[in-house]
Amino acid sequence: MNKTVIITGGGSGLGLALARQYNKEFNICLLGRTEAKLQEAVQTLSQKGNRVFYKVCNAADYEQIQTVLRTVFEEETVHLLINNAGIGVFEPLYSLTRADIEGMVETNVYGTIYPSQAAFPYFKKQGFGKVMNIISTAGLRGKVNESVYCATKFAVRGFTESLVKEWEGTNIFPTAVYMGGMDTPFWDETDHIKDRSRLKSPDTVAELIFSQDDNRSEIFIDR
């Protein structure tokens, strides 16, 4: 039986593009908050590769992610967890609302930490596993009008680097992925990126990630 890859934020953008790549070799479990988007994603994938299914789940909800991942791990042999769910509000710091700030921290930070923590004991029990955290170049340097977004990505960078040391010798491999902006619906509600034509497509980025996924601790698409 084929192993399964779990992808948070899997209904669109890079998450869906990664699903297209990994579906060539693995079953895919898409996690996301919007069922209609997940259903549509499954329909686009299920004709082209291995089995595809979804679970409605907010990765930043501690109890929900514990419950959903327990169900998936009980039913599947999981090869890889990709923490891809993320949001960004790109405005000067003084313009950000409390909801903006909390939304980014919860989705980007909690939405990476909670699934990683939930998956670890199952990976340890089966003797192998991988956790891939999608960070972006916002985790490498500060950027104008991205103060809180960068703060969350720096947090995930530190989290992932620490897991590399903490999980050494366990046969569970954490990977940090750093890529620049992509031309995805992520930018639909903002004019932060003036010329989206210069951005890579999510399919290009996903293909580059997939080709470098060899248990290394870092994957750099852009620096």
C-alpha atoms as a PDB file:
ATOM      1  CA  MET A   1       0.000   0.000   0.000  1.00  0.00           C
ATOM      2  CA  ASN A   2       1.316   3.445  -0.908  1.00  0.00           C
ATOM      3  CA  LYS A   3       2.307   5.808   1.856  1.00  0.00           C
ATOM      4  CA  THR A   4       0.461   9.083   2.389  1.00  0.00           C
ATOM      5  CA  VAL A   5       1.535  12.729   2.385  1.00  0.00           C
ATOM      6  CA  ILE A   6      -0.486  15.171   4.513  1.00  0.00           C
ATOM      7  CA  ILE A   7      -0.592  18.790   3.296  1.00  0.00           C
ATOM      8  CA  THR A   8      -2.099  21.624   5.340  1.00  0.00           C
ATOM      9  CA  GLY A   9      -3.527  24.515   3.360  1.00  0.00           C
ATOM     10  CA  GLY A  10      -3.864  22.024   0.549  1.00  0.00           C
ATOM     11  CA  GLY A  11      -6.880  23.439  -1.248  1.00  0.00           C
ATOM     12  CA  SER A  12      -5.100  25.952  -3.479  1.00  0.00           C
ATOM     13  CA  GLY A  13      -1.819  27.664  -4.316  1.00  0.00           C
ATOM     14  CA  LEU A  14       1.421  25.944  -3.360  1.00  0.00           C
ATOM     15  CA  GLY A  15      -0.380  23.327  -1.266  1.00  0.00           C
ATOM     16  CA  LEU A  16      -2.323  22.101  -4.271  1.00  0.00           C
ATOM     17  CA  ALA A  17       0.757  22.303  -6.495  1.00  0.00           C
ATOM     18  CA  LEU A  18       2.692  20.186  -3.998  1.00  0.00           C
ATOM     19  CA  ALA A  19      -0.177  17.718  -3.981  1.00  0.00           C
ATOM     20  CA  ARG A  20       0.129  17.405  -7.761  1.00  0.00           C
ATOM     21  CA  GLN A  21       3.833  16.567  -7.433  1.00  0.00           C
ATOM     22  CA  TYR A  22       3.640  14.155  -4.517  1.00  0.00           C
ATOM     23  CA  ASN A  23       0.546  12.440  -5.884  1.00  0.00           C
ATOM     24  CA  LYS A  24       2.803  10.868  -8.520  1.00  0.00           C
ATOM     25  CA  GLU A  25       4.293   8.648  -5.819  1.00  0.00           C
ATOM     26  CA  PHE A  26       2.048   8.921  -2.761  1.00  0.00           C
ATOM     27  CA  ASN A  27      -1.526   9.084  -1.602  1.00  0.00           C
ATOM     28  CA  ILE A  28      -2.495  12.626  -0.591  1.00  0.00           C
ATOM     29  CA  CYS A  29      -4.474  13.892   2.385  1.00  0.00           C
ATOM     30  CA  LEU A  30      -5.387  17.557   2.037  1.00  0.00           C
ATOM     31  CA  LEU A  31      -6.193  19.559   5.165  1.00  0.00           C
ATOM     32  CA  GLY A  32      -7.903  22.935   5.062  1.00  0.00           C
ATOM     33  CA  ARG A  33     -10.649  25.041   6.566  1.00  0.00           C
ATOM     34  CA  THR A  34     -12.872  25.389   3.468  1.00  0.00           C
ATOM     35  CA  GLU A  35     -14.597  22.188   2.394  1.00  0.00           C
ATOM     36  CA  ALA A  36     -15.701  23.459  -1.031  1.00  0.00           C
ATOM     37  CA  LYS A  37     -12.118  24.327  -1.926  1.00  0.00           C
ATOM     38  CA  LEU A  38     -10.886  20.935  -0.724  1.00  0.00           C
ATOM     39  CA  GLN A  39     -13.568  19.116  -2.692  1.00  0.00           C
ATOM     40  CA  GLU A  40     -12.587  20.959  -5.851  1.00  0.00           C
ATOM     41  CA  ALA A  41      -8.913  20.200  -5.242  1.00  0.00           C
ATOM     42  CA  VAL A  42      -9.611  16.492  -4.788  1.00  0.00           C
ATOM     43  CA  GLN A  43     -11.550  16.414  -8.056  1.00  0.00           C
ATOM     44  CA  THR A  44      -8.633  17.941  -9.965  1.00  0.00           C
ATOM     45  CA  LEU A  45      -6.190  15.409  -8.501  1.00  0.00           C
ATOM     46  CA  SER A  46      -8.059  12.136  -8.120  1.00  0.00           C
ATOM     47  CA  GLN A  47      -7.975  11.324 -11.841  1.00  0.00           C
ATOM     48  CA  LYS A  48      -4.227  11.701 -12.217  1.00  0.00           C
ATOM     49  CA  GLY A  49      -2.364   9.678  -9.626  1.00  0.00           C
ATOM     50  CA  ASN A  50      -2.692   7.810  -6.375  1.00  0.00           C
ATOM     51  CA  ARG A  51      -5.562   8.135  -3.930  1.00  0.00           C
ATOM     52  CA  VAL A  52      -6.554  11.654  -2.776  1.00  0.00           C
ATOM     53  CA  PHE A  53      -8.812  12.586   0.123  1.00  0.00           C
ATOM     54  CA  TYR A  54      -9.363  15.500   2.464  1.00  0.00           C
ATOM     55  CA  LYS A  55     -10.194  16.382   6.048  1.00  0.00           C
ATOM     56  CA  VAL A  56     -11.690  19.732   7.047  1.00  0.00           C
ATOM     57  CA  CYS A  57      -9.382  21.030   9.740  1.00  0.00           C
ATOM     58  CA  ASN A  58      -7.921  24.266  11.072  1.00  0.00           C
ATOM     59  CA  ALA A  59      -4.237  23.501  11.640  1.00  0.00           C
ATOM     60  CA  ALA A  60      -4.087  26.248  14.280  1.00  0.00           C
ATOM     61  CA  ASP A  61      -6.806  24.610  16.390  1.00  0.00           C
ATOM     62  CA  TYR A  62      -4.961  22.404  18.886  1.00  0.00           C
ATOM     63  CA  GLU A  63      -7.764  19.949  19.644  1.00  0.00           C
ATOM     64  CA  GLN A  64      -8.891  19.724  16.034  1.00  0.00           C
ATOM     65  CA  ILE A  65      -5.450  18.952  14.612  1.00  0.00           C
ATOM     66  CA  GLN A  66      -4.816  16.341  17.316  1.00  0.00           C
ATOM     67  CA  THR A  67      -8.079  14.590  16.476  1.00  0.00           C
ATOM     68  CA  VAL A  68      -7.702  14.745  12.697  1.00  0.00           C
ATOM     69  CA  LEU A  69      -4.069  13.628  12.605  1.00  0.00           C
ATOM     70  CA  ARG A  70      -4.815  10.763  14.970  1.00  0.00           C
ATOM     71  CA  THR A  71      -7.504   9.583  12.559  1.00  0.00           C
ATOM     72  CA  VAL A  72      -5.235   9.871   9.513  1.00  0.00           C
ATOM     73  CA  PHE A  73      -2.287   8.121  11.170  1.00  0.00           C
ATOM     74  CA  GLU A  74      -4.536   5.302  12.376  1.00  0.00           C
ATOM     75  CA  GLU A  75      -5.802   4.713   8.840  1.00  0.00           C
ATOM     76  CA  GLU A  76      -2.689   5.506   6.775  1.00  0.00           C
ATOM     77  CA  THR A  77       1.064   4.979   6.757  1.00  0.00           C
ATOM     78  CA  VAL A  78       2.175   8.606   6.620  1.00  0.00           C
ATOM     79  CA  HIS A  79       5.390   9.417   4.799  1.00  0.00           C
ATOM     80  CA  LEU A  80       5.446  13.206   5.179  1.00  0.00           C
ATOM     81  CA  LEU A  81       3.610  16.099   6.818  1.00  0.00           C
ATOM     82  CA  ILE A  82       3.853  19.381   4.883  1.00  0.00           C
ATOM     83  CA  ASN A  83       2.977  22.415   6.992  1.00  0.00           C
ATOM     84  CA  ASN A  84       1.954  24.773   4.223  1.00  0.00           C
ATOM     85  CA  ALA A  85      -1.008  26.701   5.669  1.00  0.00           C
ATOM     86  CA  GLY A  86      -0.221  30.392   5.979  1.00  0.00           C
ATOM     87  CA  ILE A  87      -1.676  33.881   5.751  1.00  0.00           C
ATOM     88  CA  GLY A  88      -0.174  37.337   5.397  1.00  0.00           C
ATOM     89  CA  VAL A  89      -1.366  40.914   5.815  1.00  0.00           C
ATOM     90  CA  PHE A  90       1.088  43.311   4.204  1.00  0.00           C
ATOM     91  CA  GLU A  91       0.714  46.759   5.680  1.00  0.00           C
ATOM     92  CA  PRO A  92       2.784  49.112   7.859  1.00  0.00           C
ATOM     93  CA  LEU A  93       2.808  47.942  11.467  1.00  0.00           C
ATOM     94  CA  TYR A  94       0.604  50.809  12.638  1.00  0.00           C
ATOM     95  CA  SER A  95      -2.104  49.793  10.135  1.00  0.00           C
ATOM     96  CA  LEU A  96      -2.442  46.217  11.345  1.00  0.00           C
ATOM     97  CA  THR A  97      -5.444  45.327  13.455  1.00  0.00           C
ATOM     98  CA  ARG A  98      -5.355  42.969  16.373  1.00  0.00           C
ATOM     99  CA  ALA A  99      -7.184  40.431  14.185  1.00  0.00           C
ATOM    100  CA  ASP A 100      -4.503  40.789  11.498  1.00  0.00           C
ATOM    101  CA  ILE A 101      -1.714  40.164  13.977  1.00  0.00           C
ATOM    102  CA  GLU A 102      -3.379  37.300  15.797  1.00  0.00           C
ATOM    103  CA  GLY A 103      -4.458  35.684  12.530  1.00  0.00           C
ATOM    104  CA  MET A 104      -0.895  35.579  11.216  1.00  0.00           C
ATOM    105  CA  VAL A 105       0.570  34.325  14.483  1.00  0.00           C
ATOM    106  CA  GLU A 106      -2.085  31.646  14.894  1.00  0.00           C
ATOM    107  CA  THR A 107      -2.054  30.338  11.326  1.00  0.00           C
ATOM    108  CA  ASN A 108       1.653  30.640  10.560  1.00  0.00           C
ATOM    109  CA  VAL A 109       3.133  29.715  13.940  1.00  0.00           C
ATOM    110  CA  TYR A 110       0.553  27.633  15.802  1.00  0.00           C
ATOM    111  CA  GLY A 111      -0.506  26.096  12.480  1.00  0.00           C
ATOM    112  CA  THR A 112       3.028  24.736  12.092  1.00  0.00           C
ATOM    113  CA  ILE A 113       3.849  23.847  15.688  1.00  0.00           C
ATOM    114  CA  TYR A 114       0.603  22.026  16.512  1.00  0.00           C
ATOM    115  CA  PRO A 115       0.636  19.587  13.546  1.00  0.00           C
ATOM    116  CA  SER A 116       4.364  18.893  14.026  1.00  0.00           C
ATOM    117  CA  GLN A 117       3.839  18.099  17.691  1.00  0.00           C
ATOM    118  CA  ALA A 118       0.790  15.952  16.954  1.00  0.00           C
ATOM    119  CA  ALA A 119       2.573  13.957  14.238  1.00  0.00           C
ATOM    120  CA  PHE A 120       5.780  13.229  16.138  1.00  0.00           C
ATOM    121  CA  PRO A 121       4.628  10.323  18.354  1.00  0.00           C
ATOM    122  CA  TYR A 122       3.093   8.541  15.360  1.00  0.00           C
ATOM    123  CA  PHE A 123       6.238   8.982  13.281  1.00  0.00           C
ATOM    124  CA  LYS A 124       8.306   7.761  16.236  1.00  0.00           C
ATOM    125  CA  LYS A 125       6.112   4.681  16.632  1.00  0.00           C
ATOM    126  CA  GLN A 126       6.368   3.762  12.939  1.00  0.00           C
ATOM    127  CA  GLY A 127      10.130   4.436  12.921  1.00  0.00           C
ATOM    128  CA  PHE A 128      10.216   7.002  10.133  1.00  0.00           C
ATOM    129  CA  GLY A 129       8.724  10.322   9.149  1.00  0.00           C
ATOM    130  CA  LYS A 130       9.302  13.721   7.639  1.00  0.00           C
ATOM    131  CA  VAL A 131       7.996  17.191   8.474  1.00  0.00           C
ATOM    132  CA  MET A 132       8.393  19.926   5.861  1.00  0.00           C
ATOM    133  CA  ASN A 133       7.739  23.507   6.936  1.00  0.00           C
ATOM    134  CA  ILE A 134       7.037  26.032   4.175  1.00  0.00           C
ATOM    135  CA  ILE A 135       8.673  29.227   5.427  1.00  0.00           C
ATOM    136  CA  SER A 136       9.600  31.540   2.492  1.00  0.00           C
ATOM    137  CA  THR A 137      12.372  34.120   2.291  1.00  0.00           C
ATOM    138  CA  ALA A 138      10.405  36.151   4.861  1.00  0.00           C
ATOM    139  CA  GLY A 139      12.075  33.831   7.365  1.00  0.00           C
ATOM    140  CA  LEU A 140      15.531  34.888   6.205  1.00  0.00           C
ATOM    141  CA  ARG A 141      15.347  38.695   6.313  1.00  0.00           C
ATOM    142  CA  GLY A 142      13.002  41.513   7.227  1.00  0.00           C
ATOM    143  CA  LYS A 143      10.936  43.244   4.549  1.00  0.00           C
ATOM    144  CA  VAL A 144       8.997  46.491   4.271  1.00  0.00           C
ATOM    145  CA  ASN A 145       5.338  46.174   5.319  1.00  0.00           C
ATOM    146  CA  GLU A 146       5.907  42.570   6.381  1.00  0.00           C
ATOM    147  CA  SER A 147       6.993  43.053  10.006  1.00  0.00           C
ATOM    148  CA  VAL A 148       4.554  40.648  11.658  1.00  0.00           C
ATOM    149  CA  TYR A 149       4.517  38.228   8.730  1.00  0.00           C
ATOM    150  CA  CYS A 150       8.327  38.056   8.860  1.00  0.00           C
ATOM    151  CA  ALA A 151       8.186  37.669  12.640  1.00  0.00           C
ATOM    152  CA  THR A 152       6.010  34.576  12.246  1.00  0.00           C
ATOM    153  CA  LYS A 153       8.283  33.124   9.589  1.00  0.00           C
ATOM    154  CA  PHE A 154      11.403  33.797  11.669  1.00  0.00           C
ATOM    155  CA  ALA A 155       9.628  31.918  14.463  1.00  0.00           C
ATOM    156  CA  VAL A 156       8.994  28.925  12.210  1.00  0.00           C
ATOM    157  CA  ARG A 157      12.606  29.035  11.045  1.00  0.00           C
ATOM    158  CA  GLY A 158      13.832  28.833  14.658  1.00  0.00           C
ATOM    159  CA  PHE A 159      11.307  26.108  15.397  1.00  0.00           C
ATOM    160  CA  THR A 160      12.456  24.011  12.441  1.00  0.00           C
ATOM    161  CA  GLU A 161      16.162  24.488  13.107  1.00  0.00           C
ATOM    162  CA  SER A 162      15.573  23.383  16.687  1.00  0.00           C
ATOM    163  CA  LEU A 163      13.693  20.262  15.575  1.00  0.00           C
ATOM    164  CA  VAL A 164      16.648  19.296  13.382  1.00  0.00           C
ATOM    165  CA  LYS A 165      18.755  19.120  16.554  1.00  0.00           C
ATOM    166  CA  GLU A 166      16.014  17.725  18.809  1.00  0.00           C
ATOM    167  CA  TRP A 167      15.079  14.902  16.445  1.00  0.00           C
ATOM    168  CA  GLU A 168      18.617  13.950  15.457  1.00  0.00           C
ATOM    169  CA  GLY A 169      18.968  10.174  15.410  1.00  0.00           C
ATOM    170  CA  THR A 170      15.210   9.509  15.462  1.00  0.00           C
ATOM    171  CA  ASN A 171      14.844   8.845  11.715  1.00  0.00           C
ATOM    172  CA  ILE A 172      12.352  11.735  11.620  1.00  0.00           C
ATOM    173  CA  PHE A 173      13.546  14.506   9.324  1.00  0.00           C
ATOM    174  CA  PRO A 174      12.449  18.169   9.596  1.00  0.00           C
ATOM    175  CA  THR A 175      12.984  20.371   6.540  1.00  0.00           C
ATOM    176  CA  ALA A 176      12.709  24.157   6.190  1.00  0.00           C
ATOM    177  CA  VAL A 177      11.751  25.449   2.743  1.00  0.00           C
ATOM    178  CA  TYR A 178      12.652  28.976   1.668  1.00  0.00           C
ATOM    179  CA  MET A 179      11.149  30.394  -1.513  1.00  0.00           C
ATOM    180  CA  GLY A 180      10.205  33.870  -2.750  1.00  0.00           C
ATOM    181  CA  GLY A 181       6.725  35.087  -3.572  1.00  0.00           C
ATOM    182  CA  MET A 182       4.638  33.045  -6.005  1.00  0.00           C
ATOM    183  CA  ASP A 183       1.811  34.047  -8.284  1.00  0.00           C
ATOM    184  CA  THR A 184      -1.018  32.545  -6.219  1.00  0.00           C
ATOM    185  CA  PRO A 185      -4.376  33.706  -4.796  1.00  0.00           C
ATOM    186  CA  PHE A 186      -2.341  34.670  -1.699  1.00  0.00           C
ATOM    187  CA  TRP A 187      -1.892  38.119  -3.319  1.00  0.00           C
ATOM    188  CA  ASP A 188      -5.458  38.644  -4.558  1.00  0.00           C
ATOM    189  CA  GLU A 189      -6.494  40.902  -1.686  1.00  0.00           C
ATOM    190  CA  THR A 190      -3.402  43.130  -1.638  1.00  0.00           C
ATOM    191  CA  ASP A 191      -1.342  45.360  -3.919  1.00  0.00           C
ATOM    192  CA  HIS A 192       1.846  44.533  -2.006  1.00  0.00           C
ATOM    193  CA  ILE A 193       3.258  42.866  -5.125  1.00  0.00           C
ATOM    194  CA  LYS A 194       3.021  45.350  -7.974  1.00  0.00           C
ATOM    195  CA  ASP A 195       4.106  43.033 -10.792  1.00  0.00           C
ATOM    196  CA  ARG A 196       3.041  39.436 -10.265  1.00  0.00           C
ATOM    197  CA  SER A 197       4.400  38.433 -13.676  1.00  0.00           C
ATOM    198  CA  ARG A 198       7.911  38.283 -12.216  1.00  0.00           C
ATOM    199  CA  LEU A 199       6.880  35.664  -9.657  1.00  0.00           C
ATOM    200  CA  LYS A 200       7.378  31.933 -10.082  1.00  0.00           C
ATOM    201  CA  SER A 201       4.301  29.773 -10.524  1.00  0.00           C
ATOM    202  CA  PRO A 202       3.395  27.468  -7.632  1.00  0.00           C
ATOM    203  CA  ASP A 203       3.845  24.484  -9.950  1.00  0.00           C
ATOM    204  CA  THR A 204       7.438  25.519 -10.685  1.00  0.00           C
ATOM    205  CA  VAL A 205       8.190  25.953  -6.975  1.00  0.00           C
ATOM    206  CA  ALA A 206       6.496  22.662  -6.090  1.00  0.00           C
ATOM    207  CA  GLU A 207       8.522  20.805  -8.701  1.00  0.00           C
ATOM    208  CA  LEU A 208      11.762  22.291  -7.335  1.00  0.00           C
ATOM    209  CA  ILE A 209      10.803  21.349  -3.779  1.00  0.00           C
ATOM    210  CA  PHE A 210       9.856  17.809  -4.775  1.00  0.00           C
ATOM    211  CA  SER A 211      13.129  17.319  -6.662  1.00  0.00           C
ATOM    212  CA  GLN A 212      15.181  18.348  -3.605  1.00  0.00           C
ATOM    213  CA  ASP A 213      13.197  16.420  -0.989  1.00  0.00           C
ATOM    214  CA  ASP A 214      15.921  14.037   0.158  1.00  0.00           C
ATOM    215  CA  ASN A 215      15.780  14.452   3.960  1.00  0.00           C
ATOM    216  CA  ARG A 216      17.987  17.555   3.897  1.00  0.00           C
ATOM    217  CA  SER A 217      17.311  20.105   6.633  1.00  0.00           C
ATOM    218  CA  GLU A 218      16.916  23.084   4.272  1.00  0.00           C
ATOM    219  CA  ILE A 219      15.654  23.610   0.744  1.00  0.00           C
ATOM    220  CA  PHE A 220      16.379  26.954  -0.879  1.00  0.00           C
ATOM    221  CA  ILE A 221      14.360  27.894  -3.951  1.00  0.00           C
ATOM    222  CA  ASP A 222      15.227  31.580  -3.514  1.00  0.00           C
ATOM    223  CA  ARG A 223      17.479  33.358  -1.026  1.00  0.00           C
END
